[in-house]
Structure formats: structure tokens, C-alpha cells
Protein backbone atom coordinates (compact mmCIF):
# COMPACT_ATOMS: atom_id res chain seq x y z
CA MET A 1 16.65 -21.89 -11.48
CA THR A 2 16.74 -19.70 -8.32
CA THR A 3 15.15 -16.39 -7.96
CA SER A 4 18.56 -14.59 -7.96
CA LYS A 5 19.23 -15.97 -11.39
CA ILE A 6 16.09 -14.82 -13.03
CA THR A 7 17.16 -12.65 -15.94
CA ALA A 8 15.42 -9.87 -17.86
CA GLU A 9 15.22 -12.35 -20.91
CA ASP A 10 13.39 -14.78 -18.68
CA VAL A 11 10.72 -12.13 -17.89
CA ALA A 12 10.48 -11.27 -21.43
CA ALA A 13 9.84 -15.02 -22.28
CA GLY A 14 7.29 -15.34 -19.48
CA VAL A 15 5.38 -12.25 -20.83
CA ALA A 16 5.28 -13.78 -24.29
CA GLU A 17 3.73 -16.93 -22.79
CA LEU A 18 1.31 -15.17 -20.68
CA VAL A 19 0.19 -12.56 -23.44
CA PRO A 20 0.78 -14.50 -26.70
CA ASP A 21 -0.27 -11.68 -28.90
CA ALA A 22 2.55 -9.34 -27.28
CA ALA A 23 5.21 -11.58 -28.91
CA PRO A 24 8.03 -10.76 -29.84
CA VAL A 25 9.00 -9.40 -26.50
CA GLU A 26 12.28 -7.50 -25.93
CA VAL A 27 13.80 -5.94 -22.87
CA VAL A 28 14.07 -2.17 -22.57
CA ARG A 29 15.34 -1.61 -19.01
CA PRO A 30 14.81 -2.70 -15.38
CA LEU A 31 12.72 -0.67 -12.92
CA ARG A 32 13.67 0.02 -9.37
CA GLN A 33 13.51 -3.21 -7.38
CA GLY A 34 11.12 -3.26 -4.39
CA ARG A 35 11.35 -5.27 -1.19
CA SER A 36 8.99 -7.90 -2.51
CA HIS A 37 9.17 -7.66 -6.51
CA ALA A 38 11.47 -6.99 -9.54
CA SER A 39 10.07 -5.45 -12.58
CA TRP A 40 11.29 -4.77 -16.19
CA VAL A 41 10.11 -2.50 -19.10
CA LEU A 42 9.59 -4.52 -22.24
CA GLU A 43 8.75 -3.69 -25.90
CA SER A 44 6.29 -5.78 -27.65
CA SER A 45 3.95 -5.99 -30.64
CA ARG A 46 1.21 -4.49 -28.19
CA GLY A 47 3.57 -1.53 -27.32
CA TRP A 48 5.55 -1.14 -24.12
CA LEU A 49 4.73 -3.39 -21.15
CA VAL A 50 5.91 -4.09 -17.70
CA GLY A 51 6.62 -7.51 -16.37
CA LYS A 52 6.77 -7.81 -12.65
CA VAL A 53 7.95 -10.81 -10.78
CA LEU A 54 6.98 -11.37 -7.06
CA LEU A 55 9.92 -12.68 -5.08
CA GLY A 56 7.64 -14.84 -2.89
CA PRO A 57 4.49 -16.81 -3.66
CA ALA A 58 1.39 -14.92 -4.71
CA GLY A 59 -1.07 -17.48 -3.10
CA THR A 60 -4.78 -17.02 -3.29
CA ALA A 61 -4.67 -13.68 -1.55
CA GLY A 62 -2.14 -12.36 -4.01
CA LEU A 63 -4.23 -13.42 -6.93
CA GLU A 64 -7.17 -11.77 -5.33
CA ARG A 65 -5.46 -8.59 -4.93
CA LEU A 66 -4.29 -8.62 -8.67
CA ALA A 67 -7.92 -9.01 -9.58
CA GLU A 68 -8.94 -6.28 -7.48
CA HIS A 69 -6.11 -4.14 -9.04
CA ARG A 70 -7.72 -4.88 -12.38
CA ARG A 71 -11.17 -3.99 -11.07
CA LEU A 72 -10.04 -0.55 -9.91
CA TRP A 73 -8.64 0.20 -13.38
CA GLN A 74 -11.90 -0.86 -14.93
CA HIS A 75 -13.58 1.61 -12.61
CA GLY A 76 -11.43 4.32 -14.00
CA ILE A 77 -9.19 4.75 -11.03
CA ALA A 78 -5.64 6.10 -11.76
CA VAL A 79 -3.63 2.76 -11.57
CA PRO A 80 -1.63 1.01 -14.29
CA PRO A 81 -3.77 -1.31 -16.54
CA VAL A 82 -3.35 -5.07 -15.74
CA LEU A 83 -3.23 -7.24 -18.80
CA ALA A 84 -2.67 -10.69 -17.28
CA PHE A 85 -1.24 -12.41 -14.19
CA THR A 86 -0.41 -15.97 -13.11
CA GLU A 87 0.49 -17.54 -9.77
CA SER A 88 3.29 -19.53 -11.30
CA CYS A 89 5.46 -18.99 -14.46
CA ALA A 90 7.97 -21.54 -15.54
CA SER A 91 10.16 -18.91 -17.39
CA VAL A 92 10.65 -17.03 -14.00
CA ALA A 93 11.51 -19.98 -11.86
CA ASP A 94 7.74 -20.65 -11.19
CA ARG A 95 7.24 -17.37 -9.59
CA PRO A 96 4.15 -14.99 -9.86
CA LEU A 97 4.33 -12.89 -13.02
CA THR A 98 2.04 -9.89 -13.73
CA VAL A 99 1.97 -8.03 -17.05
CA PHE A 100 0.94 -4.39 -17.00
CA GLU A 101 0.59 -1.76 -19.83
CA TYR A 102 3.57 0.60 -19.38
CA VAL A 103 2.68 4.04 -17.94
CA PRO A 104 5.72 6.45 -18.78
CA GLY A 105 6.87 8.62 -16.08
CA VAL A 106 9.08 8.95 -13.04
CA ASP A 107 8.34 8.05 -9.35
CA ALA A 108 7.70 11.15 -7.08
CA GLU A 109 10.70 10.22 -4.84
CA GLU A 110 12.95 10.81 -7.69
CA ALA A 111 11.29 13.62 -9.33
CA LEU A 112 10.37 16.07 -6.41
CA PRO A 113 13.82 17.38 -5.58
CA ALA A 114 13.83 19.02 -9.03
CA LEU A 115 10.29 20.41 -8.95
CA GLU A 116 9.02 23.88 -7.91
CA PRO A 117 7.16 23.98 -4.58
CA ALA A 118 3.90 24.91 -6.25
CA VAL A 119 4.34 21.94 -8.61
CA VAL A 120 4.93 19.59 -5.67
CA LEU A 121 1.73 20.94 -4.02
CA GLU A 122 -0.38 20.01 -7.02
CA VAL A 123 1.20 16.59 -6.86
CA MET A 124 -0.05 16.09 -3.35
CA ARG A 125 -3.28 17.60 -4.15
CA ALA A 126 -3.88 15.19 -7.20
CA THR A 127 -2.65 12.28 -5.11
CA GLY A 128 -5.36 13.07 -2.51
CA THR A 129 -8.01 13.26 -5.19
CA ALA A 130 -6.77 9.95 -6.64
CA LEU A 131 -6.93 8.29 -3.26
CA ALA A 132 -10.43 9.57 -2.64
CA ALA A 133 -11.70 8.24 -5.99
CA LEU A 134 -10.16 4.80 -5.06
CA HIS A 135 -12.09 4.80 -1.71
CA GLN A 136 -15.41 5.26 -3.47
CA VAL A 137 -15.20 2.14 -5.50
CA PRO A 138 -17.94 -0.24 -4.15
CA VAL A 139 -17.11 -3.01 -1.88
CA GLU A 140 -19.06 -5.89 -0.20
CA GLY A 141 -17.78 -5.33 3.25
CA PHE A 142 -14.55 -5.39 5.25
CA ASP A 143 -11.99 -8.08 4.57
CA ASP A 144 -9.26 -9.59 6.79
CA ALA A 145 -6.70 -6.87 7.40
CA ALA A 146 -3.83 -9.42 7.20
CA SER A 147 -4.59 -12.08 4.48
CA GLY A 148 -6.66 -10.26 1.97
CA LEU A 149 -10.03 -10.24 0.27
CA GLY A 150 -11.35 -13.59 0.86
CA THR A 151 -13.31 -13.26 4.17
CA ILE A 152 -15.93 -10.58 4.44
CA SER A 153 -16.89 -9.11 7.85
CA ALA A 154 -19.73 -6.68 8.57
CA THR A 155 -17.88 -4.53 11.09
CA TRP A 156 -14.47 -3.07 11.39
CA ASN A 157 -14.19 -4.27 15.01
CA THR A 158 -14.41 -7.88 13.89
CA VAL A 159 -11.51 -7.43 11.57
CA VAL A 160 -9.32 -5.59 14.10
CA THR A 161 -10.04 -8.03 16.85
CA SER A 162 -9.21 -10.88 14.69
CA ARG A 163 -5.83 -9.15 13.76
CA VAL A 164 -5.20 -8.42 17.30
CA GLU A 165 -5.47 -12.14 18.31
CA ALA A 166 -3.30 -13.04 15.37
CA LEU A 167 -0.68 -10.65 16.40
CA ARG A 168 -0.90 -11.79 20.02
CA ASP A 169 0.05 -15.37 18.74
CA ALA A 170 2.61 -14.11 16.23
CA TYR A 171 4.51 -12.01 18.79
CA ARG A 172 5.19 -15.28 20.86
CA PHE A 173 7.65 -16.20 18.21
CA VAL A 174 9.30 -12.87 17.81
CA ASP A 175 12.59 -12.58 19.77
CA ASP A 176 13.79 -9.44 21.47
CA ILE A 177 10.59 -7.47 21.84
CA PRO A 178 9.21 -5.26 24.65
CA ALA A 179 6.53 -7.54 25.65
CA ALA A 180 4.71 -5.24 28.24
CA LEU A 181 4.51 -2.53 25.54
CA VAL A 182 3.18 -4.83 22.92
CA LYS A 183 0.63 -6.35 25.25
CA THR A 184 -0.50 -2.85 26.40
CA GLY A 185 -0.72 -1.77 22.74
CA LEU A 186 -2.92 -4.73 21.55
CA ASP A 187 -5.21 -4.36 24.51
CA LEU A 188 -5.56 -0.62 23.70
CA LEU A 189 -6.10 -1.36 20.02
CA ASP A 190 -8.80 -3.76 20.85
CA SER A 191 -10.72 -1.28 22.96
CA LEU A 192 -10.35 1.54 20.47
CA ALA A 193 -11.66 -0.55 17.60
CA GLU A 194 -14.76 -1.32 19.37
CA GLU A 195 -15.51 2.28 20.12
CA VAL A 196 -14.94 3.40 16.44
CA SER A 197 -16.64 0.43 14.74
CA PRO A 198 -20.14 1.86 14.50
CA VAL A 199 -18.73 4.76 12.25
CA ALA A 200 -16.18 3.03 10.23
CA ARG A 201 -17.17 2.07 6.67
CA PRO A 202 -15.42 -0.36 4.28
CA ALA A 203 -13.44 0.98 1.27
CA VAL A 204 -10.91 -0.15 -1.02
CA ALA A 205 -7.53 0.84 0.40
CA HIS A 206 -4.00 1.07 -1.29
CA LEU A 207 -2.12 0.75 1.95
CA ASP A 208 1.18 1.68 0.52
CA VAL A 209 0.85 5.29 -0.53
CA TYR A 210 4.21 7.06 -0.36
CA LEU A 211 6.49 8.94 -2.79
CA PRO A 212 7.99 5.73 -4.67
CA ASN A 213 4.53 4.66 -5.40
CA ILE A 214 3.28 7.90 -6.99
CA LEU A 215 4.09 8.10 -10.56
CA LEU A 216 4.37 11.57 -12.36
CA ASP A 217 4.84 12.63 -15.97
CA ASP A 218 7.90 14.45 -17.37
CA GLU A 219 6.42 17.78 -16.26
CA GLY A 220 5.83 16.75 -12.71
CA ARG A 221 2.11 16.04 -13.06
CA PHE A 222 0.36 13.11 -11.18
CA ARG A 223 -0.25 10.03 -13.34
CA VAL A 224 -1.06 7.01 -11.44
CA LEU A 225 -0.82 5.25 -8.04
CA LEU A 226 1.67 2.41 -8.36
CA ASP A 227 2.19 -1.05 -6.48
CA LEU A 228 -1.09 -2.28 -5.26
CA GLU A 229 0.17 -5.56 -3.55
CA HIS A 230 -1.20 -4.52 -0.26
CA VAL A 231 -4.71 -3.56 -1.38
CA ARG A 232 -7.48 -4.47 0.99
CA TRP A 233 -11.22 -3.71 1.98
CA VAL A 234 -10.70 -1.91 5.22
CA ASP A 235 -11.31 1.34 7.05
CA PRO A 236 -10.05 3.99 4.35
CA ALA A 237 -8.35 5.79 7.39
CA MET A 238 -5.74 3.15 7.14
CA ASP A 239 -4.65 4.91 3.93
CA PHE A 240 -3.54 7.99 5.76
CA VAL A 241 -1.06 6.37 7.86
CA LYS A 242 1.94 5.98 5.76
CA PRO A 243 1.65 9.21 3.94
CA ALA A 244 1.97 10.93 7.34
CA MET A 245 4.80 8.72 8.46
CA TRP A 246 6.82 8.85 5.44
CA MET A 247 5.79 11.88 3.22
CA PHE A 248 4.66 14.65 5.61
CA PRO A 249 7.23 15.04 8.32
CA ASP A 250 8.09 18.83 8.42
CA GLN A 251 5.93 19.32 5.26
CA GLN A 252 2.65 20.65 6.69
CA SER A 253 1.79 22.27 3.29
CA TRP A 254 2.10 18.93 1.61
CA ALA A 255 -0.39 17.34 4.09
CA GLU A 256 -2.76 20.25 3.81
CA ALA A 257 -2.59 20.00 -0.18
CA PHE A 258 -3.28 16.24 0.12
CA ALA A 259 -6.27 16.78 2.33
CA ASP A 260 -7.61 19.44 0.09
CA GLY A 261 -7.48 17.14 -2.95
CA TYR A 262 -9.12 14.36 -1.00
CA ARG A 263 -11.89 16.56 0.08
CA ALA A 264 -12.48 17.88 -3.49
CA ALA A 265 -13.23 14.36 -4.74
CA GLY A 266 -15.02 12.65 -1.58
CA PRO A 267 -16.13 13.14 1.94
CA TRP A 268 -13.52 13.33 4.73
CA PRO A 269 -13.72 10.26 6.93
CA ALA A 270 -16.11 10.86 9.92
CA CYS A 271 -14.74 10.57 13.59
CA TRP A 272 -11.33 11.22 12.00
CA SER A 273 -9.13 11.45 15.01
CA GLU A 274 -10.63 8.24 16.56
CA ARG A 275 -10.39 6.28 13.39
CA MET A 276 -6.72 7.33 12.87
CA ALA A 277 -5.94 6.25 16.46
CA VAL A 278 -6.93 2.70 15.50
CA ALA A 279 -5.40 2.87 11.97
CA THR A 280 -2.05 4.09 13.43
CA GLY A 281 -2.17 1.44 16.31
CA LEU A 282 -2.68 -1.28 13.67
CA GLU A 283 0.08 -0.09 11.40
CA LEU A 284 2.60 0.22 14.33
CA LEU A 285 1.83 -3.11 16.03
CA THR A 286 2.06 -4.91 12.72
CA GLY A 287 5.20 -3.14 11.75
CA VAL A 288 7.08 -3.79 14.87
CA LYS A 289 6.69 -7.46 14.30
CA TYR A 290 7.51 -7.23 10.64
CA TRP A 291 10.61 -5.02 10.89
CA THR A 292 11.95 -7.27 13.72
CA GLN A 293 11.54 -10.38 11.68
CA VAL A 294 13.32 -8.91 8.66
CA ALA A 295 15.98 -7.39 10.77
CA ASP A 296 15.55 -3.84 9.67
CA HIS A 297 16.67 -2.26 12.93
CA ALA A 298 16.22 1.34 11.96
CA MET A 299 12.70 0.84 10.99
CA ARG A 300 12.00 -1.33 14.01
CA GLU A 301 13.35 1.39 16.37
CA ASP A 302 11.34 4.12 14.56
CA TYR A 303 8.01 2.02 14.91
CA LEU A 304 8.87 1.23 18.49
CA ARG A 305 9.29 4.90 19.28
CA ARG A 306 6.04 5.79 17.62
CA LEU A 307 4.29 2.78 19.35
CA ARG A 308 5.47 4.07 22.89
CA ALA A 309 4.11 7.49 22.13
CA TRP A 310 0.83 6.15 20.91
CA VAL A 311 0.31 3.92 24.00
CA ARG A 312 1.28 6.72 26.46
CA SER A 313 -1.44 8.94 24.91
CA ASP A 314 -4.10 6.20 24.74
CA GLY A 315 -4.03 6.47 20.90
CA ALA A 316 -4.45 10.30 20.83
CA ASP A 317 -0.77 10.68 19.52
CA HIS A 318 -1.36 9.29 16.22
CA VAL A 319 0.46 10.05 12.96
CA TRP A 320 -1.92 12.95 11.94
CA SER A 321 -2.41 14.44 15.33
CA ALA A 322 -0.08 17.36 14.66
CA ILE A 323 -1.40 18.18 11.26
CA SER A 324 -4.06 20.91 11.43
CA SER A 325 -5.98 20.04 8.20
CA ALA A 326 -6.98 16.74 9.73
CA THR A 327 -9.10 18.38 12.40
């Protein structure tokens, strides 16, 4: 069986195998497919569930992130409850399968166009609060920014330096890149990370906070953060990059509400601008490679444009630099 031939019925069978007391399991409907996963809502004797199939191998790092997702839920963080997961399920072509309790709602990208501006601001505020709570769950140290939660480091500089060296090697196999820009960017990232390392502290980071990963209820109120496939123990400043890039352009009031909600639940990161310079550079230099390899030309050009501005400014032109609430 190939991945393209996996059916909803296959997923239902896999869920029944993974959570035996959920049987019988029947398909309700598919959810929006992501770049790396496909999910279905299912009805079972345990109530409604979600079966999520990863479209690539989970590996050890993927299983660690699922365990971390479960740990966050057990700490009371607003994420969907994880019931079970496996690295390989025969019913879904030996792909990784995860079973969640179904949390009803609609993602913010779909819901926001119909909401009143004041309600949208409350969504942003609640999202910031949820992220601050996530950042306060205890961790042992920094982990590898690429592979996951397996290797613990004492300093942020150690993690970033390792990632810089991995990117130097990886870019040798990426065609059609502006080599001088990438080299200058990696050198700059290395030096900036050394400067901010004494003030950076480790935290759980979601690393994919944007509208499709924010679930709302039918009245437009925040419910949970979705899709924790990228969760890491890193500098929490990393979690502010994607919201600024993909949620806040031309929406200063959203950014301010998000920041207000974050401050209501936890301290704002110290040395903010310096840490955001590192977080932005790490995202852009990783992203240019990724978008080039998957042939998403629009995203590649957007990241290259941002990377050029970041390099020209020695990191000062980061994704939050124009948002007054971050200063």
C-alpha cells in the first residue's frame, strides 16, 4: 500500500488497533491536510477522536516530540490530548499514526474573516497567553534545533553553532543559491548567537504558531494550539518569528494584543531585540534551504528577500523590528 492509497477506513482500522477500547471506530470527515500529515475525525466508543498519519517517517525525534506534546497536555497547556502514538502502523502503510481526543472548533484562518475586530483581538491575546504558559513548562536545557529533544546543551550558542555548521554542509548540496549571501548570513548568525547566549534561557517552543494552528470555538474564542510536530527546547524567542511573518503584517493591533496576552501570563524575554535577531536569522537561513529543496519558489523568494534585509542590517532588521509592542 502506498501513502497516496491510504483511506479513511485504513486510518479507522489503525486507530482501533492502537486504542482497542475505542472500537468500533467509524469515519466522520477529513481535516485539512498539512504539508507533512493527513488527519481524519472519527467516531468511537470513547467519543470523537482524530487519527493523524504522518506522510514521512517519525523516527526517534518524532516520537520524542509526540511524547513532549503529551507532557505539555499533562501540564495543563492548551493543546489537544494525545491518547496514543506509534512509529509504524500496518493499517496505514506502516506510517506513523497518532490518536488525539477530538477538540471541536474551527481554525483561525478559516474563522477570522467572519469575526468582529474586537473578537479577533481577543483571539490574539489568548494565543499569546497560551504561548507564555507553554514557555513556562520546565525543561532540562536546550536541545538540538534541528533534530529534536535527544541531545541536551547548556547554552543557546552551542545549539546555534551546531546548526550553523550543519547548514554550511547542507547548502553545499542545494542548487541555485546566492552562496555569498548565505555565507555572510551564517557568519553573522554565529557571531550574534555568541553575544546573546548568556541571556537566552531554554523553554518549550511550538515553532509553528500561525493562524491554521490556532483552534477557535464556534463563537470565535481561543481553544487550543494545534500541530506540535516542530516542538523543541530552544530559546522561546523562536516562537515569535512565524507569527510576525505570517500573522502580523499590516496588523499592528494583532501583534500588540498578542504581546499583551503573553505579558499577562509570563515575563517578556529579556534582551528582546538581540534574541529576535538570532531567531530570525535561524528561521530564514533554515527556510531558504528548505523552500529551495521543496521547489516552493514563492516562499523561497520571500525568505531570500527577508534574509538580504537581515544581513544588510547586521540582524537589526528582524521580523518584529517594526512592531512597537516588542520594544
